[in-house]
């Protein structure tokens, strides 16, 4: 199953989701992230946070979801309040689309300590959801069953 995490700027939450997904999802999942209006660089605090998690921040970059036109995601998960409800490109239409509310405005936090706290909360929430996602065998489910399960996972908070 191919999963694309999206966020408008692809510099904070979707990068965290991609990093956690790549680290903890089993090999039957392929994970990427992108945005509709990428900044072109990771938020500096996210770079540090990834390094603190033992991940090389150089392995991640802010990129447009247009780079994934040939990726054909089965699942598209928006983790950005701004992105929620935004129309995606037509080639994303085949994937099951859901929104996971992370309840934290990472993009607007200027203080490093507060940002790290918000990053931690987002990471904990994403890790819990991604751990649940790892137990799902979507290959045996209908489009609607996948959507419903992803919505249940998203509601875990």
N, C-alpha and C. Protein backbone atom coordinates (compact mmCIF):
# COMPACT_ATOMS: atom_id res chain seq x y z
N UNK A 1 0.84 -1.18 0.00
CA UNK A 1 0.00 0.00 0.00
C UNK A 1 0.88 1.24 0.00
N UNK A 2 0.56 2.16 -0.86
CA UNK A 2 1.30 3.42 -0.94
C UNK A 2 0.51 4.51 -0.20
N UNK A 3 1.21 5.19 0.72
CA UNK A 3 0.59 6.23 1.52
C UNK A 3 1.31 7.55 1.25
N UNK A 4 0.53 8.59 0.96
CA UNK A 4 1.07 9.92 0.78
C UNK A 4 0.49 10.81 1.87
N UNK A 5 1.36 11.33 2.74
CA UNK A 5 0.94 12.30 3.75
C UNK A 5 1.07 13.68 3.14
N UNK A 6 0.02 14.49 3.25
CA UNK A 6 0.06 15.82 2.65
C UNK A 6 -0.19 16.91 3.69
N UNK A 7 0.45 18.02 3.45
CA UNK A 7 0.31 19.24 4.22
C UNK A 7 0.65 20.37 3.26
N UNK A 8 0.04 21.50 3.41
CA UNK A 8 0.21 22.58 2.45
C UNK A 8 1.69 22.87 2.14
N UNK A 9 2.51 23.08 3.16
CA UNK A 9 3.90 23.48 2.93
C UNK A 9 4.89 22.32 2.98
N UNK A 10 4.45 21.15 3.41
CA UNK A 10 5.31 19.97 3.51
C UNK A 10 6.64 20.31 4.17
N UNK A 11 6.54 20.95 5.34
CA UNK A 11 7.76 21.32 6.06
C UNK A 11 7.73 20.91 7.53
N UNK A 12 6.56 20.49 8.03
CA UNK A 12 6.45 20.12 9.46
C UNK A 12 5.72 18.79 9.63
N UNK A 13 4.40 18.85 9.76
CA UNK A 13 3.60 17.67 10.13
C UNK A 13 3.70 16.52 9.14
N UNK A 14 3.60 16.82 7.85
CA UNK A 14 3.65 15.73 6.86
C UNK A 14 5.04 15.10 6.82
N UNK A 15 6.07 15.89 7.08
CA UNK A 15 7.43 15.35 7.15
C UNK A 15 7.55 14.43 8.36
N UNK A 16 7.00 14.86 9.51
CA UNK A 16 7.01 14.00 10.70
C UNK A 16 6.28 12.69 10.42
N UNK A 17 5.12 12.79 9.75
CA UNK A 17 4.34 11.59 9.43
C UNK A 17 5.13 10.66 8.50
N UNK A 18 5.78 11.23 7.51
CA UNK A 18 6.59 10.43 6.59
C UNK A 18 7.72 9.74 7.35
N UNK A 19 8.42 10.48 8.20
CA UNK A 19 9.55 9.93 8.94
C UNK A 19 9.11 8.79 9.87
N UNK A 20 8.03 9.02 10.59
CA UNK A 20 7.52 7.99 11.51
C UNK A 20 7.01 6.78 10.73
N UNK A 21 6.30 7.05 9.63
CA UNK A 21 5.80 5.96 8.79
C UNK A 21 6.93 5.11 8.22
N UNK A 22 7.96 5.76 7.70
CA UNK A 22 9.08 5.01 7.12
C UNK A 22 9.81 4.19 8.18
N UNK A 23 9.84 4.71 9.39
CA UNK A 23 10.57 4.02 10.45
C UNK A 23 9.77 2.87 11.06
N UNK A 24 8.43 3.00 11.16
CA UNK A 24 7.66 2.03 11.93
C UNK A 24 6.66 1.19 11.14
N UNK A 25 6.35 1.56 9.91
CA UNK A 25 5.42 0.73 9.13
C UNK A 25 6.17 -0.45 8.53
N UNK A 26 5.50 -1.59 8.42
CA UNK A 26 6.15 -2.77 7.82
C UNK A 26 6.40 -2.54 6.32
N UNK A 27 7.24 -3.37 5.73
CA UNK A 27 7.64 -3.19 4.32
C UNK A 27 6.49 -3.21 3.31
N UNK A 28 5.33 -3.71 3.69
CA UNK A 28 4.21 -3.73 2.73
C UNK A 28 3.65 -2.34 2.48
N UNK A 29 4.13 -1.35 3.24
CA UNK A 29 3.72 0.04 3.07
C UNK A 29 4.87 0.84 2.46
N UNK A 30 4.55 1.67 1.49
CA UNK A 30 5.50 2.62 0.91
C UNK A 30 4.99 4.01 1.28
N UNK A 31 5.86 4.83 1.85
CA UNK A 31 5.44 6.11 2.43
C UNK A 31 6.17 7.28 1.80
N UNK A 32 5.42 8.36 1.57
CA UNK A 32 6.00 9.61 1.06
C UNK A 32 5.19 10.77 1.62
N UNK A 33 5.68 11.98 1.40
CA UNK A 33 4.92 13.16 1.78
C UNK A 33 5.12 14.25 0.73
N UNK A 34 4.15 15.15 0.66
CA UNK A 34 4.24 16.27 -0.28
C UNK A 34 3.25 17.34 0.10
N UNK A 35 3.33 18.47 -0.59
CA UNK A 35 2.44 19.58 -0.29
C UNK A 35 1.98 20.31 -1.54
N UNK A 36 0.90 21.06 -1.40
CA UNK A 36 0.36 21.82 -2.52
C UNK A 36 1.17 23.08 -2.77
N UNK A 37 1.81 23.61 -1.73
CA UNK A 37 2.60 24.83 -1.83
C UNK A 37 3.85 24.68 -0.95
N UNK A 38 4.76 23.77 -1.33
CA UNK A 38 5.90 23.48 -0.47
C UNK A 38 6.83 24.68 -0.31
N UNK A 39 7.43 24.77 0.86
CA UNK A 39 8.37 25.85 1.14
C UNK A 39 9.72 25.58 0.49
N UNK A 40 10.00 24.32 0.18
CA UNK A 40 11.28 23.96 -0.40
C UNK A 40 12.31 23.58 0.64
N UNK A 41 11.98 23.78 1.91
CA UNK A 41 12.91 23.39 2.97
C UNK A 41 12.13 23.00 4.20
N UNK A 42 12.76 22.17 5.01
CA UNK A 42 12.14 21.77 6.27
C UNK A 42 12.22 22.93 7.25
N UNK A 43 11.24 23.00 8.12
CA UNK A 43 11.30 23.96 9.20
C UNK A 43 12.56 23.63 10.00
N UNK A 44 13.36 24.62 10.38
CA UNK A 44 14.61 24.33 11.10
C UNK A 44 14.40 23.53 12.38
N UNK A 45 13.32 23.77 13.09
CA UNK A 45 13.06 23.02 14.31
C UNK A 45 12.75 21.56 14.01
N UNK A 46 12.09 21.30 12.86
CA UNK A 46 11.80 19.92 12.46
C UNK A 46 13.10 19.20 12.12
N UNK A 47 14.00 19.89 11.46
CA UNK A 47 15.31 19.30 11.16
C UNK A 47 15.97 18.82 12.46
N UNK A 48 15.99 19.68 13.45
CA UNK A 48 16.60 19.34 14.73
C UNK A 48 15.85 18.20 15.40
N UNK A 49 14.51 18.26 15.33
CA UNK A 49 13.69 17.23 15.96
C UNK A 49 13.96 15.86 15.34
N UNK A 50 14.05 15.81 14.01
CA UNK A 50 14.35 14.54 13.33
C UNK A 50 15.72 14.01 13.75
N UNK A 51 16.69 14.91 13.81
CA UNK A 51 18.03 14.50 14.25
C UNK A 51 17.98 13.97 15.67
N UNK A 52 17.21 14.63 16.54
CA UNK A 52 17.08 14.17 17.93
C UNK A 52 16.41 12.80 18.01
N UNK A 53 15.55 12.48 17.03
CA UNK A 53 14.88 11.18 16.98
C UNK A 53 15.81 10.09 16.43
N UNK A 54 17.02 10.48 16.04
CA UNK A 54 17.95 9.52 15.47
C UNK A 54 17.77 9.35 13.98
N UNK A 55 17.05 10.26 13.34
CA UNK A 55 16.85 10.21 11.90
C UNK A 55 17.70 11.31 11.25
N UNK A 56 18.19 11.06 10.08
CA UNK A 56 18.98 12.06 9.38
C UNK A 56 18.04 13.00 8.64
N UNK A 57 17.99 14.25 9.09
CA UNK A 57 17.09 15.23 8.48
C UNK A 57 17.40 15.42 7.00
N UNK A 58 18.62 15.10 6.58
CA UNK A 58 18.99 15.25 5.17
C UNK A 58 18.24 14.26 4.27
N UNK A 59 17.65 13.23 4.89
CA UNK A 59 16.87 12.25 4.12
C UNK A 59 15.47 12.76 3.77
N UNK A 60 15.12 13.93 4.28
CA UNK A 60 13.77 14.48 4.09
C UNK A 60 13.88 15.88 3.51
N UNK A 61 12.90 16.22 2.66
CA UNK A 61 12.86 17.57 2.09
C UNK A 61 11.43 17.97 1.80
N UNK A 62 11.20 19.25 1.77
CA UNK A 62 9.89 19.79 1.43
C UNK A 62 9.73 19.71 -0.09
N UNK A 63 8.63 19.07 -0.53
CA UNK A 63 8.45 18.87 -1.97
C UNK A 63 6.98 18.95 -2.35
N UNK A 64 6.75 19.20 -3.62
CA UNK A 64 5.39 19.28 -4.14
C UNK A 64 4.80 17.89 -4.30
N UNK A 65 3.50 17.80 -4.06
CA UNK A 65 2.83 16.52 -4.30
C UNK A 65 2.84 16.19 -5.79
N UNK A 66 3.13 17.16 -6.64
CA UNK A 66 3.20 16.91 -8.09
C UNK A 66 4.35 15.95 -8.43
N UNK A 67 5.34 15.84 -7.53
CA UNK A 67 6.43 14.89 -7.75
C UNK A 67 5.94 13.44 -7.68
N UNK A 68 4.74 13.25 -7.18
CA UNK A 68 4.23 11.89 -6.95
C UNK A 68 3.15 11.48 -7.95
N UNK A 69 3.12 12.14 -9.08
CA UNK A 69 2.13 11.82 -10.10
C UNK A 69 2.24 10.36 -10.54
N UNK A 70 3.43 9.79 -10.48
CA UNK A 70 3.63 8.37 -10.86
C UNK A 70 3.64 7.44 -9.65
N UNK A 71 3.54 8.00 -8.47
CA UNK A 71 3.52 7.22 -7.23
C UNK A 71 2.19 6.49 -7.06
N UNK A 72 1.09 7.11 -7.50
CA UNK A 72 -0.26 6.56 -7.41
C UNK A 72 -0.59 6.05 -6.01
N UNK A 73 -0.72 6.97 -5.05
CA UNK A 73 -0.99 6.54 -3.67
C UNK A 73 -2.35 5.85 -3.55
N UNK A 74 -2.36 4.80 -2.75
CA UNK A 74 -3.62 4.13 -2.42
C UNK A 74 -4.35 4.92 -1.34
N UNK A 75 -3.57 5.59 -0.50
CA UNK A 75 -4.10 6.34 0.65
C UNK A 75 -3.45 7.71 0.67
N UNK A 76 -4.28 8.75 0.82
CA UNK A 76 -3.79 10.12 0.97
C UNK A 76 -4.30 10.64 2.30
N UNK A 77 -3.38 10.97 3.20
CA UNK A 77 -3.75 11.43 4.53
C UNK A 77 -3.28 12.87 4.70
N UNK A 78 -4.23 13.76 4.86
CA UNK A 78 -3.91 15.16 5.11
C UNK A 78 -3.72 15.35 6.61
N UNK A 79 -2.61 15.96 7.00
CA UNK A 79 -2.33 16.21 8.41
C UNK A 79 -2.22 17.71 8.69
N UNK A 80 -2.83 18.50 7.83
CA UNK A 80 -2.71 19.95 7.90
C UNK A 80 -4.09 20.59 7.93
N UNK A 81 -4.33 21.43 8.92
CA UNK A 81 -5.62 22.12 9.00
C UNK A 81 -5.90 22.93 7.75
N UNK A 82 -4.87 23.59 7.21
CA UNK A 82 -5.04 24.42 6.01
C UNK A 82 -5.42 23.55 4.82
N UNK A 83 -4.85 22.34 4.77
CA UNK A 83 -5.07 21.44 3.65
C UNK A 83 -6.43 20.76 3.71
N UNK A 84 -7.01 20.67 4.89
CA UNK A 84 -8.28 19.95 5.06
C UNK A 84 -9.35 20.54 4.14
N UNK A 85 -9.91 19.71 3.32
CA UNK A 85 -10.97 20.13 2.41
C UNK A 85 -10.47 20.76 1.13
N UNK A 86 -9.17 21.01 1.03
CA UNK A 86 -8.61 21.59 -0.19
C UNK A 86 -8.64 20.54 -1.28
N UNK A 87 -9.03 20.95 -2.46
CA UNK A 87 -9.09 20.03 -3.59
C UNK A 87 -7.69 19.65 -4.03
N UNK A 88 -7.44 18.38 -4.19
CA UNK A 88 -6.14 17.91 -4.64
C UNK A 88 -6.14 17.72 -6.15
N UNK A 89 -4.99 17.44 -6.72
CA UNK A 89 -4.94 17.19 -8.16
C UNK A 89 -5.74 15.93 -8.53
N UNK A 90 -6.21 15.88 -9.76
CA UNK A 90 -7.06 14.77 -10.20
C UNK A 90 -6.40 13.41 -10.00
N UNK A 91 -5.09 13.32 -10.16
CA UNK A 91 -4.43 12.02 -10.05
C UNK A 91 -4.46 11.48 -8.62
N UNK A 92 -4.81 12.30 -7.63
CA UNK A 92 -4.98 11.81 -6.27
C UNK A 92 -6.37 11.23 -6.02
N UNK A 93 -7.27 11.42 -6.97
CA UNK A 93 -8.68 11.05 -6.78
C UNK A 93 -8.88 9.55 -6.55
N UNK A 94 -8.00 8.72 -7.08
CA UNK A 94 -8.17 7.28 -6.91
C UNK A 94 -7.84 6.80 -5.51
N UNK A 95 -7.00 7.53 -4.81
CA UNK A 95 -6.62 7.14 -3.45
C UNK A 95 -7.71 7.47 -2.45
N UNK A 96 -7.77 6.67 -1.40
CA UNK A 96 -8.69 6.95 -0.30
C UNK A 96 -8.15 8.17 0.43
N UNK A 97 -8.98 9.21 0.57
CA UNK A 97 -8.52 10.46 1.19
C UNK A 97 -9.17 10.64 2.54
N UNK A 98 -8.33 10.94 3.54
CA UNK A 98 -8.82 11.23 4.89
C UNK A 98 -8.01 12.38 5.48
N UNK A 99 -8.54 12.92 6.57
CA UNK A 99 -7.90 14.01 7.30
C UNK A 99 -7.66 13.56 8.73
N UNK A 100 -6.42 13.68 9.19
CA UNK A 100 -6.09 13.39 10.58
C UNK A 100 -5.77 14.71 11.28
N UNK A 101 -6.63 15.14 12.17
CA UNK A 101 -6.44 16.38 12.92
C UNK A 101 -5.39 16.17 13.99
N UNK A 102 -4.33 16.97 13.96
CA UNK A 102 -3.27 16.85 14.95
C UNK A 102 -3.38 17.90 16.06
N UNK A 103 -4.30 18.84 15.90
CA UNK A 103 -4.58 19.84 16.94
C UNK A 103 -3.37 20.61 17.43
N UNK A 104 -2.44 20.90 16.55
CA UNK A 104 -1.31 21.72 17.00
C UNK A 104 -0.76 22.54 15.84
N UNK A 105 -0.69 23.85 16.04
CA UNK A 105 -0.25 24.75 14.97
C UNK A 105 1.28 24.87 14.89
N UNK A 106 1.94 23.84 14.38
CA UNK A 106 3.41 23.85 14.31
C UNK A 106 3.94 25.01 13.48
N UNK A 107 3.24 25.36 12.42
CA UNK A 107 3.74 26.36 11.48
C UNK A 107 3.84 27.76 12.09
N UNK A 108 3.07 28.03 13.14
CA UNK A 108 3.02 29.39 13.68
C UNK A 108 3.77 29.55 14.99
N UNK A 109 4.45 28.52 15.46
CA UNK A 109 5.19 28.58 16.71
C UNK A 109 6.60 29.09 16.42
N UNK A 110 7.01 30.18 17.08
CA UNK A 110 8.33 30.77 16.85
C UNK A 110 9.34 30.39 17.93
N UNK A 111 8.87 29.97 19.07
CA UNK A 111 9.73 29.63 20.19
C UNK A 111 10.17 28.17 20.07
N UNK A 112 11.47 27.92 20.14
CA UNK A 112 12.00 26.56 19.93
C UNK A 112 11.48 25.57 20.97
N UNK A 113 11.39 25.98 22.23
CA UNK A 113 10.92 25.08 23.28
C UNK A 113 9.45 24.72 23.04
N UNK A 114 8.64 25.72 22.75
CA UNK A 114 7.22 25.47 22.48
C UNK A 114 7.06 24.60 21.22
N UNK A 115 7.88 24.88 20.20
CA UNK A 115 7.82 24.10 18.98
C UNK A 115 8.17 22.64 19.26
N UNK A 116 9.22 22.42 20.06
CA UNK A 116 9.61 21.05 20.39
C UNK A 116 8.49 20.32 21.14
N UNK A 117 7.80 21.04 22.03
CA UNK A 117 6.67 20.44 22.74
C UNK A 117 5.56 20.07 21.76
N UNK A 118 5.26 20.97 20.82
CA UNK A 118 4.21 20.71 19.83
C UNK A 118 4.64 19.57 18.89
N UNK A 119 5.91 19.55 18.52
CA UNK A 119 6.44 18.46 17.68
C UNK A 119 6.28 17.13 18.39
N UNK A 120 6.60 17.13 19.67
CA UNK A 120 6.49 15.90 20.45
C UNK A 120 5.04 15.42 20.49
N UNK A 121 4.10 16.34 20.75
CA UNK A 121 2.68 15.98 20.79
C UNK A 121 2.22 15.44 19.44
N UNK A 122 2.62 16.10 18.37
CA UNK A 122 2.25 15.64 17.02
C UNK A 122 2.86 14.27 16.75
N UNK A 123 4.11 14.07 17.14
CA UNK A 123 4.79 12.80 16.90
C UNK A 123 4.14 11.66 17.68
N UNK A 124 3.78 11.92 18.92
CA UNK A 124 3.12 10.90 19.74
C UNK A 124 1.79 10.51 19.10
N UNK A 125 1.03 11.52 18.69
CA UNK A 125 -0.26 11.26 18.05
C UNK A 125 -0.08 10.47 16.74
N UNK A 126 0.88 10.89 15.93
CA UNK A 126 1.14 10.19 14.67
C UNK A 126 1.64 8.77 14.91
N UNK A 127 2.52 8.59 15.88
CA UNK A 127 3.06 7.26 16.17
C UNK A 127 1.95 6.29 16.58
N UNK A 128 1.03 6.77 17.42
CA UNK A 128 -0.09 5.92 17.86
C UNK A 128 -0.93 5.51 16.65
N UNK A 129 -1.21 6.45 15.79
CA UNK A 129 -2.04 6.16 14.61
C UNK A 129 -1.30 5.26 13.63
N UNK A 130 -0.02 5.52 13.42
CA UNK A 130 0.77 4.72 12.48
C UNK A 130 0.96 3.30 13.01
N UNK A 131 1.10 3.14 14.32
CA UNK A 131 1.17 1.78 14.89
C UNK A 131 -0.12 1.01 14.59
N UNK A 132 -1.25 1.67 14.70
CA UNK A 132 -2.54 1.03 14.38
C UNK A 132 -2.62 0.73 12.88
N UNK A 133 -2.16 1.67 12.08
CA UNK A 133 -2.15 1.50 10.63
C UNK A 133 -1.35 0.28 10.22
N UNK A 134 -0.27 0.02 10.95
CA UNK A 134 0.61 -1.11 10.65
C UNK A 134 -0.09 -2.45 10.80
N UNK A 135 -1.16 -2.50 11.58
CA UNK A 135 -1.87 -3.75 11.82
C UNK A 135 -2.97 -4.01 10.79
N UNK A 136 -3.20 -3.04 9.92
CA UNK A 136 -4.29 -3.15 8.93
C UNK A 136 -3.81 -3.82 7.64
N UNK A 137 -4.65 -4.69 7.14
CA UNK A 137 -4.39 -5.32 5.85
C UNK A 137 -5.43 -4.80 4.87
N UNK A 138 -5.15 -3.63 4.33
CA UNK A 138 -6.08 -2.93 3.45
C UNK A 138 -6.31 -3.67 2.13
N UNK A 139 -5.37 -4.53 1.76
CA UNK A 139 -5.49 -5.25 0.50
C UNK A 139 -6.76 -6.10 0.46
N UNK A 140 -7.29 -6.45 1.62
CA UNK A 140 -8.47 -7.30 1.70
C UNK A 140 -9.75 -6.48 1.91
N UNK A 141 -9.64 -5.15 1.88
CA UNK A 141 -10.79 -4.28 2.18
C UNK A 141 -11.28 -3.55 0.94
N UNK A 142 -12.55 -3.17 0.98
CA UNK A 142 -13.11 -2.33 -0.08
C UNK A 142 -12.65 -0.89 0.16
N UNK A 143 -12.84 -0.06 -0.83
CA UNK A 143 -12.50 1.36 -0.74
C UNK A 143 -13.19 1.98 0.48
N UNK A 144 -14.46 1.71 0.66
CA UNK A 144 -15.22 2.28 1.79
C UNK A 144 -14.73 1.73 3.13
N UNK A 145 -14.40 0.47 3.19
CA UNK A 145 -13.88 -0.11 4.44
C UNK A 145 -12.53 0.51 4.82
N UNK A 146 -11.70 0.75 3.81
CA UNK A 146 -10.41 1.41 4.06
C UNK A 146 -10.66 2.81 4.61
N UNK A 147 -11.54 3.55 3.95
CA UNK A 147 -11.86 4.91 4.39
C UNK A 147 -12.36 4.92 5.83
N UNK A 148 -13.29 4.03 6.13
CA UNK A 148 -13.86 3.97 7.48
C UNK A 148 -12.80 3.63 8.53
N UNK A 149 -11.92 2.69 8.20
CA UNK A 149 -10.86 2.32 9.15
C UNK A 149 -9.88 3.47 9.35
N UNK A 150 -9.52 4.16 8.28
CA UNK A 150 -8.63 5.31 8.40
C UNK A 150 -9.27 6.43 9.21
N UNK A 151 -10.57 6.60 9.08
CA UNK A 151 -11.29 7.60 9.88
C UNK A 151 -11.25 7.21 11.36
N UNK A 152 -11.44 5.93 11.65
CA UNK A 152 -11.37 5.47 13.05
C UNK A 152 -9.96 5.69 13.62
N UNK A 153 -8.97 5.38 12.82
CA UNK A 153 -7.59 5.61 13.25
C UNK A 153 -7.34 7.10 13.48
N UNK A 154 -7.83 7.91 12.58
CA UNK A 154 -7.66 9.36 12.70
C UNK A 154 -8.31 9.93 13.94
N UNK A 155 -9.42 9.32 14.38
CA UNK A 155 -10.14 9.80 15.55
C UNK A 155 -9.44 9.43 16.86
N UNK A 156 -8.40 8.59 16.77
CA UNK A 156 -7.67 8.18 17.98
C UNK A 156 -7.01 9.36 18.68
N UNK A 157 -6.67 10.37 17.91
CA UNK A 157 -6.06 11.58 18.48
C UNK A 157 -4.71 11.44 19.03
